[in-house]
Amino acid sequence: MHKPEEYFVRNLKHGSLENLFAVYGMDVRVTKHGKKYAELRVGDKTGVLTARYFTDDEGEVDEIMSSYKVGEVIRIRGDLGDYGITIKQPFTASITRCWEGEYEISDFRAVTGNDVEEMLGVIKENIRGLKNPHLKELCGFFFNDENFVKAFKSIPGAQSKHHNYEGGLLEHTYEMVRLWYVVCDLHKELDKDLLFCGIIFHDLGKLRSYAFKGASIERTTEEEMIGHIVLGEKMMRGAMDKIDGFPEELKSKLSHLILSHHGEIREGYGSAVSPKLPEAYVLFYLDYAGSQINLVMQRYGGLERG
């Protein structure tokens, strides 16, 4: 059963409420008087709220923290005000678990607000315009694969912070492609085709890094043990090795862009190597700009989930 429109976060009014929310985050806080309370980040696909559970029995706070998990859907009875939801015990306020069949998970799983097919169309249009035949064939290896395209359209761009919603990776890639137009027009000395491929494949490993569990985004074992940068380079290298006559130097350059796209190693953002090509530096800055702008827009739009 879908939530009625008036029950979505973006349409809620101040006052008493009883509503279903997904849990996006949980923590224990302490009041200025030294009492523990539970603070939850809850919401649905339209927005996020802070819910605070107050009680004189601190054991109940521990019970809340151990009973519920990020990604689950819960029912909250409380009061909504300027600072979020207050759930104050004793009285009628409460948090209870919801079971499958009581809700539609699509109501709680955030999705990109952009047209998925339009974004994908822009990427494919630019693939058709590539001048380097080896890079064009490489793009076709992936984007002519229906399973790859299906995953690429739906996977989130991150677990938290930026583009952390269904279709987030496609949206992030599309935004970087739009920036690529401008940068390459200003700096014609850049290898435009190489940079484009670095953009559309820089987060290739995320297709094997994240999976949805309920309303939450979970990190896979491969992400925990290997990481999306190395995973992506391995996927890219495997594809390049299957293309006859793919130049070894071009393989090295594209691998380098993927392995260095988090910037200098000394900065600690996870690059396997530091950038050594102009295109690698530009890729890093476009990636960073796109992610940080999205984070700001989520924060000021009340959509930040973690």
Protein backbone atom coordinates (compact mmCIF):
# COMPACT_ATOMS: atom_id res chain seq x y z
CA MET A 1 0.00 0.00 0.00
CA HIS A 2 1.44 3.37 -1.02
CA LYS A 3 1.47 6.31 1.36
CA PRO A 4 -1.24 8.90 0.67
CA GLU A 5 0.25 12.05 -0.85
CA GLU A 6 -0.40 14.13 2.25
CA TYR A 7 1.68 11.70 4.34
CA PHE A 8 4.91 12.29 2.44
CA VAL A 9 7.50 14.39 4.27
CA ARG A 10 7.31 17.31 1.84
CA ASN A 11 3.58 17.71 2.62
CA LEU A 12 3.54 17.25 6.41
CA LYS A 13 2.10 19.95 8.67
CA HIS A 14 3.16 20.79 12.22
CA GLY A 15 1.26 19.05 15.00
CA SER A 16 0.50 15.51 16.13
CA LEU A 17 1.30 12.80 13.64
CA GLU A 18 1.19 9.06 13.11
CA ASN A 19 3.12 8.10 10.02
CA LEU A 20 5.49 5.61 8.42
CA PHE A 21 9.14 6.52 7.88
CA ALA A 22 12.29 4.76 6.74
CA VAL A 23 15.26 4.89 9.10
CA TYR A 24 18.32 6.50 7.46
CA GLY A 25 20.47 6.96 10.56
CA MET A 26 20.50 6.40 14.34
CA ASP A 27 22.54 7.78 17.21
CA VAL A 28 22.46 8.26 20.98
CA ARG A 29 22.62 11.86 22.20
CA VAL A 30 22.72 13.46 25.64
CA THR A 31 20.60 16.42 26.79
CA LYS A 32 22.10 19.38 28.64
CA HIS A 33 20.82 17.72 31.82
CA GLY A 34 22.81 14.57 31.10
CA LYS A 35 19.96 12.31 30.00
CA LYS A 36 20.31 10.01 27.02
CA TYR A 37 17.90 10.13 24.10
CA ALA A 38 17.70 8.46 20.71
CA GLU A 39 18.08 10.61 17.59
CA LEU A 40 16.95 9.14 14.28
CA ARG A 41 17.19 10.38 10.72
CA VAL A 42 13.89 9.31 9.18
CA GLY A 43 11.97 10.11 6.05
CA ASP A 44 10.77 8.95 2.68
CA LYS A 45 11.61 9.58 -0.96
CA THR A 46 10.53 13.23 -0.67
CA GLY A 47 12.57 14.34 2.35
CA VAL A 48 14.24 13.66 5.68
CA LEU A 49 13.45 14.67 9.26
CA THR A 50 15.17 14.33 12.62
CA ALA A 51 13.18 12.37 15.19
CA ARG A 52 14.13 12.51 18.88
CA TYR A 53 12.94 9.89 21.34
CA PHE A 54 12.89 11.13 24.96
CA THR A 55 12.16 8.95 28.00
CA ASP A 56 12.92 8.86 31.72
CA ASP A 57 13.94 5.21 31.35
CA GLU A 58 17.33 5.28 29.62
CA GLY A 59 17.06 1.54 29.10
CA GLU A 60 14.37 2.29 26.53
CA VAL A 61 16.89 4.34 24.55
CA ASP A 62 19.22 1.34 24.39
CA GLU A 63 16.27 -0.85 23.40
CA ILE A 64 15.38 1.51 20.53
CA MET A 65 18.98 1.45 19.29
CA SER A 66 19.17 -2.34 19.38
CA SER A 67 15.66 -3.03 18.03
CA TYR A 68 15.73 -1.07 14.79
CA LYS A 69 18.17 -0.88 11.91
CA VAL A 70 18.96 1.56 9.14
CA GLY A 71 16.84 0.70 6.10
CA GLU A 72 13.82 -0.53 8.06
CA VAL A 73 10.42 1.13 7.95
CA ILE A 74 8.90 2.18 11.27
CA ARG A 75 5.69 3.78 12.52
CA ILE A 76 6.12 6.92 14.61
CA ARG A 77 3.56 8.59 16.84
CA GLY A 78 4.73 11.99 17.99
CA ASP A 79 4.67 15.72 17.35
CA LEU A 80 6.18 17.52 14.39
CA GLY A 81 7.62 21.00 14.95
CA ASP A 82 10.29 23.32 13.61
CA TYR A 83 13.10 21.04 14.82
CA GLY A 84 11.70 17.73 13.65
CA ILE A 85 9.67 15.04 15.37
CA THR A 86 9.50 14.77 19.17
CA ILE A 87 8.61 11.37 20.60
CA LYS A 88 8.21 11.82 24.34
CA GLN A 89 7.51 8.98 26.77
CA PRO A 90 5.34 8.20 28.65
CA PHE A 91 2.02 9.19 26.91
CA THR A 92 0.86 8.08 23.48
CA ALA A 93 4.10 8.72 21.58
CA SER A 94 5.86 5.61 20.29
CA ILE A 95 8.06 3.89 17.70
CA THR A 96 6.96 0.51 16.35
CA ARG A 97 8.18 -1.75 13.55
CA CYS A 98 6.32 -2.07 10.25
CA TRP A 99 6.15 -5.37 8.43
CA GLU A 100 6.24 -6.21 4.74
CA GLY A 101 2.81 -5.72 3.25
CA GLU A 102 2.15 -2.59 5.30
CA TYR A 103 4.09 -0.36 2.91
CA GLU A 104 5.65 -0.04 -0.55
CA ILE A 105 9.45 0.24 -0.34
CA SER A 106 9.44 2.55 -3.37
CA ASP A 107 7.82 5.23 -1.16
CA PHE A 108 10.98 5.31 0.97
CA ARG A 109 13.78 4.75 -1.54
CA ALA A 110 14.98 8.08 -2.87
CA VAL A 111 15.42 8.36 -6.65
CA THR A 112 16.97 10.89 -8.99
CA GLY A 113 14.71 13.76 -9.86
CA ASN A 114 16.00 13.87 -13.44
CA ASP A 115 14.73 12.00 -16.49
CA VAL A 116 16.79 8.80 -16.61
CA GLU A 117 16.39 8.19 -20.34
CA GLU A 118 17.26 11.78 -21.15
CA MET A 119 20.48 11.61 -19.13
CA LEU A 120 21.41 8.28 -20.69
CA GLY A 121 20.64 9.71 -24.12
CA VAL A 122 23.12 12.55 -23.63
CA ILE A 123 25.87 10.07 -22.74
CA LYS A 124 25.10 7.83 -25.73
CA GLU A 125 25.00 10.81 -28.07
CA ASN A 126 28.51 11.77 -27.01
CA ILE A 127 29.71 8.20 -27.40
CA ARG A 128 28.59 8.34 -31.04
CA GLY A 129 30.65 11.53 -31.43
CA LEU A 130 33.95 10.06 -30.21
CA LYS A 131 36.78 10.28 -32.74
CA ASN A 132 39.05 7.63 -31.19
CA PRO A 133 37.83 4.27 -32.61
CA HIS A 134 39.27 2.23 -29.73
CA LEU A 135 37.53 4.31 -27.08
CA LYS A 136 34.28 4.28 -29.06
CA GLU A 137 34.43 0.47 -29.24
CA LEU A 138 35.14 0.31 -25.52
CA CYS A 139 32.08 2.44 -24.77
CA GLY A 140 30.00 0.16 -26.99
CA PHE A 141 31.26 -2.88 -25.10
CA PHE A 142 29.45 -1.57 -22.02
CA PHE A 143 26.59 0.59 -23.31
CA ASN A 144 25.38 -2.00 -25.83
CA ASP A 145 25.01 -4.47 -22.96
CA GLU A 146 21.41 -4.36 -21.67
CA ASN A 147 22.34 -5.70 -18.23
CA PHE A 148 25.06 -3.08 -17.82
CA VAL A 149 22.74 -0.25 -18.86
CA LYS A 150 20.00 -1.45 -16.50
CA ALA A 151 22.42 -1.47 -13.57
CA PHE A 152 24.05 1.83 -14.58
CA LYS A 153 20.64 3.54 -14.61
CA SER A 154 19.66 2.38 -11.13
CA ILE A 155 22.78 2.13 -8.95
CA PRO A 156 23.37 4.93 -6.41
CA GLY A 157 26.38 7.20 -6.73
CA ALA A 158 27.42 6.65 -3.10
CA GLN A 159 26.21 5.16 0.16
CA SER A 160 26.06 8.57 1.80
CA LYS A 161 26.81 12.26 1.23
CA HIS A 162 26.32 12.72 -2.54
CA HIS A 163 24.06 11.17 -5.20
CA ASN A 164 23.07 8.53 -2.63
CA TYR A 165 19.83 7.47 -4.26
CA GLU A 166 18.55 5.29 -7.07
CA GLY A 167 19.90 6.61 -10.36
CA GLY A 168 22.54 8.63 -8.53
CA LEU A 169 25.52 7.26 -10.47
CA LEU A 170 23.90 8.06 -13.81
CA GLU A 171 23.00 11.56 -12.60
CA HIS A 172 26.53 12.18 -11.29
CA THR A 173 28.04 10.97 -14.57
CA TYR A 174 25.64 13.08 -16.63
CA GLU A 175 26.47 16.21 -14.61
CA MET A 176 30.18 15.61 -15.13
CA VAL A 177 29.62 15.20 -18.88
CA ARG A 178 27.86 18.57 -18.93
CA LEU A 179 30.88 20.12 -17.20
CA TRP A 180 33.18 18.30 -19.65
CA TYR A 181 31.64 20.26 -22.52
CA VAL A 182 32.66 23.55 -20.94
CA VAL A 183 36.15 22.53 -19.79
CA CYS A 184 37.13 21.01 -23.15
CA ASP A 185 35.85 24.07 -24.98
CA LEU A 186 38.06 26.25 -22.79
CA HIS A 187 41.08 23.93 -22.90
CA LYS A 188 41.29 22.39 -26.35
CA GLU A 189 44.70 20.90 -25.58
CA LEU A 190 43.02 18.23 -23.43
CA ASP A 191 42.45 14.77 -24.90
CA LYS A 192 38.67 15.16 -25.08
CA ASP A 193 37.85 11.53 -25.84
CA LEU A 194 40.11 10.18 -23.10
CA LEU A 195 38.63 12.54 -20.52
CA PHE A 196 35.09 11.64 -21.60
CA CYS A 197 35.78 7.94 -21.09
CA GLY A 198 37.40 8.70 -17.75
CA ILE A 199 34.19 10.45 -16.73
CA ILE A 200 31.70 7.79 -17.78
CA PHE A 201 33.80 4.95 -16.36
CA HIS A 202 35.47 6.56 -13.31
CA ASP A 203 32.95 4.96 -10.93
CA LEU A 204 32.47 1.75 -12.91
CA GLY A 205 33.33 -0.30 -9.83
CA LYS A 206 30.29 1.05 -7.99
CA LEU A 207 28.13 -1.34 -9.97
CA ARG A 208 29.65 -4.03 -7.76
CA SER A 209 30.03 -1.88 -4.64
CA TYR A 210 26.48 -1.02 -3.59
CA ALA A 211 23.15 -2.79 -3.24
CA PHE A 212 19.79 -1.71 -1.85
CA LYS A 213 18.57 -3.39 1.33
CA GLY A 214 15.13 -2.11 2.20
CA ALA A 215 15.36 1.68 2.01
CA SER A 216 19.09 1.77 2.71
CA ILE A 217 22.18 1.46 0.54
CA GLU A 218 24.53 -1.31 1.65
CA ARG A 219 28.21 -1.77 0.84
CA THR A 220 29.00 -5.13 -0.73
CA THR A 221 31.80 -7.42 0.43
CA GLU A 222 33.77 -6.47 -2.69
CA GLU A 223 33.50 -2.80 -1.79
CA GLU A 224 34.66 -3.48 1.76
CA MET A 225 37.55 -5.72 0.72
CA ILE A 226 38.69 -4.14 -2.57
CA GLY A 227 37.01 -0.77 -3.08
CA HIS A 228 35.28 0.69 -6.11
CA ILE A 229 38.42 2.27 -7.60
CA VAL A 230 40.34 -0.97 -7.95
CA LEU A 231 37.17 -2.88 -8.88
CA GLY A 232 36.47 -0.38 -11.65
CA GLU A 233 39.97 -0.57 -13.07
CA LYS A 234 39.80 -4.38 -13.13
CA MET A 235 36.46 -4.25 -14.97
CA MET A 236 37.83 -1.69 -17.43
CA ARG A 237 41.07 -3.60 -18.00
CA GLY A 238 39.11 -6.79 -18.66
CA ALA A 239 37.02 -5.04 -21.32
CA MET A 240 40.02 -3.39 -22.99
CA ASP A 241 41.84 -6.73 -23.16
CA LYS A 242 38.93 -8.20 -25.14
CA ILE A 243 39.17 -5.55 -27.88
CA ASP A 244 41.58 -6.49 -30.65
CA GLY A 245 44.30 -3.94 -31.30
CA PHE A 246 43.53 -1.76 -28.30
CA PRO A 247 46.79 0.22 -27.79
CA GLU A 248 48.69 -0.62 -24.61
CA GLU A 249 49.51 3.04 -23.97
CA LEU A 250 45.82 3.95 -24.16
CA LYS A 251 45.01 1.11 -21.76
CA SER A 252 47.52 2.53 -19.29
CA LYS A 253 46.16 6.05 -19.59
CA LEU A 254 42.56 5.04 -19.00
CA SER A 255 43.53 2.75 -16.12
CA HIS A 256 45.48 5.65 -14.65
CA LEU A 257 42.46 7.96 -14.82
CA ILE A 258 40.33 5.48 -12.90
CA LEU A 259 42.99 4.67 -10.31
CA SER A 260 43.82 8.33 -9.63
CA HIS A 261 40.39 9.97 -9.80
CA HIS A 262 40.26 10.67 -6.04
CA GLY A 263 43.29 12.94 -6.32
CA GLU A 264 46.67 12.91 -4.66
CA ILE A 265 47.42 9.87 -2.49
CA ARG A 266 48.66 12.14 0.32
CA GLU A 267 45.17 13.65 0.63
CA GLY A 268 43.85 10.29 1.79
CA TYR A 269 40.73 10.13 -0.41
CA GLY A 270 41.50 6.63 -1.66
CA SER A 271 43.34 6.97 -4.96
CA ALA A 272 45.60 4.03 -5.82
CA VAL A 273 48.04 6.41 -7.55
CA SER A 274 48.36 10.19 -7.73
CA PRO A 275 47.31 11.92 -10.97
CA LYS A 276 50.09 12.27 -13.54
CA LEU A 277 48.16 13.43 -16.61
CA PRO A 278 46.27 16.70 -17.18
CA GLU A 279 43.14 14.64 -17.93
CA ALA A 280 43.54 12.79 -14.61
CA TYR A 281 43.67 16.05 -12.66
CA VAL A 282 40.69 17.46 -14.53
CA LEU A 283 38.74 14.24 -13.89
CA PHE A 284 39.43 14.55 -10.17
CA TYR A 285 38.25 18.16 -10.05
CA LEU A 286 35.10 17.48 -12.09
CA ASP A 287 34.27 14.51 -9.85
CA TYR A 288 34.88 16.55 -6.71
CA ALA A 289 32.89 19.54 -7.96
CA GLY A 290 29.94 17.38 -8.97
CA SER A 291 29.83 15.50 -5.68
CA GLN A 292 30.15 18.59 -3.48
CA ILE A 293 27.53 20.59 -5.37
CA ASN A 294 25.09 17.71 -5.03
CA LEU A 295 25.83 17.47 -1.31
CA VAL A 296 25.09 21.18 -0.87
CA MET A 297 21.84 20.94 -2.83
CA GLN A 298 20.68 17.94 -0.77
CA ARG A 299 21.54 19.71 2.47
CA TYR A 300 19.69 22.91 1.63
CA GLY A 301 16.79 21.00 0.10
CA GLY A 302 16.20 18.95 3.27
CA LEU A 303 17.11 15.71 1.50
CA GLU A 304 20.41 14.79 3.17
CA ARG A 305 20.21 11.15 4.26
CA GLY A 306 23.67 10.66 5.71
